[in-house]
Amino acid sequence: VQLQASGGGLVQAGETLRLSCAASGITRSPYIMAWFRQAPGKEREFVAAISRSGGRTDYADSVKGRFTIARDNAKNTVYLQMNSLKPEDTAVYCCAASTEFLSRRQNEYDYWGQGTLVTVSS
């Protein structure tokens, strides 16, 4: 399984971005998907996760109400709609896939994609 994240860029505070994560090499039922981010000088942290069907989601408190995770299984793609962006959202965002659990824990995810940089200026 390969994951490719895209959609990052430089925006001003209050603006929006939509990230995409395209999965390839999938040979079984849809994976549980998640987004994580790593800000400069900080550890990688959980952002959002979505179940196989898309019926269940989970968000970090820091993004709840501003970010929305969604998926299109026909396209093997997961999205992260980011609204009302703040400078503290600046980070490299990467997507991950799990074969078992919808979790906030990084070690529950089996596959990782390269990140896409989001920079929010004040």
Protein backbone atom coordinates (compact mmCIF):
# COMPACT_ATOMS: atom_id res chain seq x y z
CA VAL A 1 0.00 0.00 0.00
CA GLN A 2 1.31 3.41 -0.95
CA LEU A 3 -0.07 6.69 0.33
CA GLN A 4 0.48 10.03 -1.34
CA ALA A 5 -0.53 13.22 0.42
CA SER A 6 -1.01 16.49 -1.43
CA GLY A 7 -2.67 19.88 -1.12
CA GLY A 8 -0.41 21.67 1.30
CA GLY A 9 0.70 25.24 0.84
CA LEU A 10 1.11 28.68 2.34
CA VAL A 11 -2.04 30.43 3.55
CA GLN A 12 -2.95 33.22 5.91
CA ALA A 13 -4.64 32.72 9.23
CA GLY A 14 -8.36 32.20 8.84
CA GLU A 15 -8.10 30.70 5.37
CA THR A 16 -8.82 27.16 4.26
CA LEU A 17 -6.99 24.25 2.66
CA ARG A 18 -8.01 20.78 1.63
CA LEU A 19 -5.50 17.98 1.82
CA SER A 20 -5.85 14.75 -0.12
CA CYS A 21 -4.34 11.34 0.47
CA ALA A 22 -4.49 8.91 -2.42
CA ALA A 23 -3.96 5.23 -1.67
CA SER A 24 -2.74 2.66 -4.16
CA GLY A 25 -1.96 -1.02 -4.01
CA ILE A 26 -5.04 -1.79 -1.95
CA THR A 27 -6.08 -5.40 -2.34
CA ARG A 28 -8.60 -5.73 0.47
CA SER A 29 -11.44 -3.81 2.06
CA PRO A 30 -10.84 -0.11 2.76
CA TYR A 31 -8.38 0.71 5.49
CA ILE A 32 -8.98 2.89 8.48
CA MET A 33 -7.31 6.18 7.64
CA ALA A 34 -5.88 9.01 9.67
CA TRP A 35 -4.01 12.26 9.44
CA PHE A 36 -1.10 13.15 11.69
CA ARG A 37 1.07 16.26 11.74
CA GLN A 38 4.49 17.28 12.91
CA ALA A 39 5.30 20.88 13.64
CA PRO A 40 8.89 22.15 13.61
CA GLY A 41 10.68 21.02 16.73
CA LYS A 42 7.73 18.99 17.99
CA GLU A 43 6.69 15.37 18.00
CA ARG A 44 4.21 14.02 15.50
CA GLU A 45 0.65 14.22 16.75
CA PHE A 46 -2.74 12.82 15.85
CA VAL A 47 -5.11 15.07 13.92
CA ALA A 48 -8.10 13.03 12.71
CA ALA A 49 -9.17 9.51 11.80
CA ILE A 50 -12.02 7.93 9.86
CA SER A 51 -13.50 4.45 9.83
CA ARG A 52 -13.61 2.17 6.80
CA SER A 53 -17.12 3.27 5.82
CA GLY A 54 -16.66 6.87 6.85
CA GLY A 55 -19.42 6.56 9.42
CA ARG A 56 -17.18 7.21 12.39
CA THR A 57 -14.60 9.92 12.86
CA ASP A 58 -12.33 11.16 15.60
CA TYR A 59 -10.56 14.48 15.99
CA ALA A 60 -7.89 15.97 18.18
CA ASP A 61 -9.33 18.63 20.45
CA SER A 62 -7.11 21.25 18.83
CA VAL A 63 -8.82 20.85 15.45
CA LYS A 64 -12.34 19.80 16.40
CA GLY A 65 -14.91 22.07 14.79
CA ARG A 66 -12.41 23.42 12.26
CA PHE A 67 -11.18 20.33 10.41
CA THR A 68 -13.24 17.65 8.70
CA ILE A 69 -11.98 14.26 7.57
CA ALA A 70 -13.83 12.48 4.77
CA ARG A 71 -13.21 9.68 2.31
CA ASP A 72 -14.20 8.50 -1.13
CA ASN A 73 -13.66 4.76 -1.25
CA ALA A 74 -14.38 4.63 -4.96
CA LYS A 75 -11.32 6.83 -5.46
CA ASN A 76 -9.29 5.35 -2.59
CA THR A 77 -8.82 8.87 -1.34
CA VAL A 78 -9.11 10.53 2.04
CA TYR A 79 -9.48 14.25 2.53
CA LEU A 80 -8.81 16.71 5.32
CA GLN A 81 -10.75 19.94 4.99
CA MET A 82 -9.07 22.55 7.14
CA ASN A 83 -11.00 25.72 7.90
CA SER A 84 -10.14 28.71 10.06
CA LEU A 85 -6.48 27.84 9.96
CA LYS A 86 -4.22 29.16 12.68
CA PRO A 87 -0.45 29.70 12.74
CA GLU A 88 -0.20 26.82 15.22
CA ASP A 89 -1.56 24.50 12.52
CA THR A 90 1.72 24.92 10.64
CA ALA A 91 3.19 21.46 10.22
CA VAL A 92 3.96 18.65 7.85
CA TYR A 93 0.76 16.64 7.49
CA CYS A 94 0.90 12.97 6.61
CA CYS A 95 -1.70 10.29 6.17
CA ALA A 96 -1.63 6.79 7.56
CA ALA A 97 -3.60 3.57 7.12
CA SER A 98 -4.55 0.94 9.64
CA THR A 99 -5.75 -2.58 8.99
CA GLU A 100 -7.26 -3.01 12.43
CA PHE A 101 -8.15 -0.10 14.67
CA LEU A 102 -9.39 3.47 14.51
CA SER A 103 -6.91 4.93 16.92
CA ARG A 104 -5.01 8.04 17.91
CA ARG A 105 -1.90 5.98 18.50
CA GLN A 106 0.72 6.08 15.78
CA ASN A 107 1.83 2.52 16.35
CA GLU A 108 -1.63 1.27 15.36
CA TYR A 109 -1.04 2.40 11.79
CA ASP A 110 0.65 0.08 9.32
CA TYR A 111 1.28 2.33 6.35
CA TRP A 112 2.47 5.91 6.12
CA GLY A 113 2.71 8.38 3.31
CA GLN A 114 5.10 11.24 2.78
CA GLY A 115 3.91 14.49 4.19
CA THR A 116 2.67 17.70 2.71
CA LEU A 117 3.70 21.01 4.27
CA VAL A 118 1.07 23.42 5.53
CA THR A 119 2.27 26.87 6.52
CA VAL A 120 -0.13 29.35 8.10
CA SER A 121 1.06 32.92 8.41
CA SER A 122 -0.35 35.34 10.94
